[in-house]
Amino acid sequence: MIMFVGCALYADDIALLSASCYGLQKLVDICTRYGAMWDIEFNPVKSQLITFGGYNPSSCAISLDGNPTAWVTKVTYLGVQLICNTGIADVTDVCRKFYGQFNNIMSVLGKQSNEISAVYLTKTYCLPALMYGCEA
């Protein structure tokens, strides 16, 4: 059984997926109507378009509530950078944040620290930063 999911949601982040510009504009229009009905505003400045499996079509203009949306070569969704036309998800910033938090904990605890405390602090403060957005 094949299932197509055209909308991925996480908190206040929405990712719309479509195989065509026409279909994508229809999804954006549905979101705009839903937003008007429930008093939700979508910010066209923060909205971006990207393609996977082809180059960004310059002739396709998607508008959000009458405002044009920009085509980009990289987009960040849930902390993960997705790169146009490659299928690559860049998690470098996520790993950098994890190591920064881990190094901060270890520098405060010092060399003579209790291992259980270090594991607990790492699990509590570092692991969530690493795991956030892993579903993307």
Protein backbone atom coordinates (compact mmCIF):
# COMPACT_ATOMS: atom_id res chain seq x y z
CA MET A 1 0.00 0.00 0.00
CA ILE A 2 1.38 3.41 -0.98
CA MET A 3 0.40 6.48 1.03
CA PHE A 4 1.16 10.07 0.07
CA VAL A 5 1.55 12.58 2.86
CA GLY A 6 1.31 16.13 1.55
CA CYS A 7 1.63 17.94 4.86
CA ALA A 8 4.06 17.39 7.72
CA LEU A 9 3.37 19.29 10.95
CA TYR A 10 5.43 19.79 14.08
CA ALA A 11 4.31 22.45 16.59
CA ASP A 12 4.09 25.65 14.52
CA ASP A 13 6.18 24.37 11.58
CA ILE A 14 4.45 23.13 8.44
CA ALA A 15 6.04 21.44 5.43
CA LEU A 16 3.84 21.07 2.35
CA LEU A 17 4.84 18.46 -0.24
CA SER A 18 3.58 18.29 -3.81
CA ALA A 19 4.65 16.77 -7.11
CA SER A 20 3.61 19.86 -9.08
CA CYS A 21 3.50 23.64 -8.77
CA TYR A 22 -0.26 23.57 -9.34
CA GLY A 23 -0.71 21.06 -6.50
CA LEU A 24 1.54 23.07 -4.21
CA GLN A 25 -0.44 26.27 -4.86
CA LYS A 26 -3.63 24.36 -4.04
CA LEU A 27 -2.12 23.18 -0.70
CA VAL A 28 -1.01 26.74 0.13
CA ASP A 29 -4.51 28.02 -0.67
CA ILE A 30 -6.05 25.39 1.63
CA CYS A 31 -3.72 26.50 4.44
CA THR A 32 -4.61 30.15 3.81
CA ARG A 33 -8.35 29.41 3.99
CA TYR A 34 -7.87 27.32 7.14
CA GLY A 35 -5.82 30.12 8.69
CA ALA A 36 -8.49 32.69 7.91
CA MET A 37 -11.14 30.47 9.48
CA TRP A 38 -9.14 29.85 12.69
CA ASP A 39 -7.37 33.24 12.93
CA ILE A 40 -3.93 31.85 12.06
CA GLU A 41 -1.52 34.04 10.11
CA PHE A 42 1.14 32.52 7.88
CA ASN A 43 4.21 34.68 7.36
CA PRO A 44 5.16 34.86 3.65
CA VAL A 45 8.60 36.26 4.56
CA LYS A 46 9.43 33.11 6.57
CA SER A 47 7.91 30.79 3.96
CA GLN A 48 10.26 29.19 1.43
CA LEU A 49 10.05 26.86 -1.55
CA ILE A 50 12.50 24.13 -2.49
CA THR A 51 12.54 21.19 -4.89
CA PHE A 52 13.92 17.69 -4.49
CA GLY A 53 14.68 15.75 -7.65
CA GLY A 54 14.99 18.74 -9.97
CA TYR A 55 16.04 22.35 -10.11
CA ASN A 56 13.86 25.16 -8.78
CA PRO A 57 11.39 26.12 -11.54
CA SER A 58 11.82 29.83 -12.22
CA SER A 59 8.52 30.02 -14.11
CA CYS A 60 6.46 28.69 -11.17
CA ALA A 61 5.28 31.44 -8.82
CA ILE A 62 3.63 30.28 -5.61
CA SER A 63 1.85 32.97 -3.61
CA LEU A 64 0.77 32.92 0.01
CA ASP A 65 -2.30 35.09 0.49
CA GLY A 66 -1.31 37.16 -2.55
CA ASN A 67 2.37 37.51 -1.53
CA PRO A 68 5.07 35.76 -3.58
CA THR A 69 7.11 33.04 -1.90
CA ALA A 70 10.86 32.74 -2.59
CA TRP A 71 12.59 29.70 -4.13
CA VAL A 72 15.72 28.77 -2.16
CA THR A 73 18.55 26.25 -2.45
CA LYS A 74 18.60 25.37 1.27
CA VAL A 75 15.80 25.30 3.81
CA THR A 76 15.90 24.59 7.53
CA TYR A 77 13.08 22.47 8.93
CA LEU A 78 13.18 21.45 12.60
CA GLY A 79 16.84 22.40 12.81
CA VAL A 80 17.85 20.20 9.86
CA GLN A 81 19.09 21.83 6.67
CA LEU A 82 17.64 20.27 3.51
CA ILE A 83 19.59 20.97 0.33
CA CYS A 84 17.93 21.46 -3.05
CA ASN A 85 18.14 18.72 -5.67
CA THR A 86 20.40 16.46 -3.59
CA GLY A 87 18.25 14.71 -1.00
CA ILE A 88 20.94 15.51 1.57
CA ALA A 89 19.98 16.51 5.10
CA ASP A 90 22.77 18.50 6.75
CA VAL A 91 22.85 17.97 10.53
CA THR A 92 26.17 19.75 11.13
CA ASP A 93 24.59 22.57 13.17
CA VAL A 94 22.67 20.08 15.32
CA CYS A 95 25.85 18.12 16.09
CA ARG A 96 27.73 21.35 16.81
CA LYS A 97 25.07 22.37 19.32
CA PHE A 98 25.21 18.95 21.00
CA TYR A 99 29.00 19.05 21.37
CA GLY A 100 28.89 22.65 22.62
CA GLN A 101 26.41 21.74 25.35
CA PHE A 102 28.35 18.58 26.22
CA ASN A 103 31.65 20.46 26.48
CA ASN A 104 30.01 23.10 28.69
CA ILE A 105 28.77 20.41 31.07
CA MET A 106 32.15 18.68 31.19
CA SER A 107 34.04 21.93 31.78
CA VAL A 108 31.80 22.81 34.73
CA LEU A 109 31.96 19.31 36.23
CA GLY A 110 35.73 19.02 35.80
CA LYS A 111 37.88 15.90 35.62
CA GLN A 112 37.00 14.62 39.07
CA SER A 113 33.24 14.53 38.37
CA ASN A 114 30.81 11.81 39.21
CA GLU A 115 30.14 9.75 36.05
CA ILE A 116 26.47 9.28 36.90
CA SER A 117 26.03 13.06 37.16
CA ALA A 118 27.74 13.56 33.80
CA VAL A 119 25.51 10.94 32.14
CA TYR A 120 22.36 12.42 33.70
CA LEU A 121 23.21 15.97 32.61
CA THR A 122 24.16 14.82 29.12
CA LYS A 123 20.92 12.86 28.78
CA THR A 124 18.85 15.77 30.13
CA TYR A 125 20.44 18.75 28.34
CA CYS A 126 22.39 17.47 25.34
CA LEU A 127 20.35 14.58 23.98
CA PRO A 128 17.18 16.63 23.32
CA ALA A 129 19.22 19.07 21.22
CA LEU A 130 20.55 16.15 19.17
CA MET A 131 17.19 14.41 18.77
CA TYR A 132 15.08 17.50 17.96
CA GLY A 133 13.97 17.23 14.37
CA CYS A 134 15.41 13.77 13.78
CA GLU A 135 12.11 12.73 12.21
CA ALA A 136 12.76 15.23 9.42
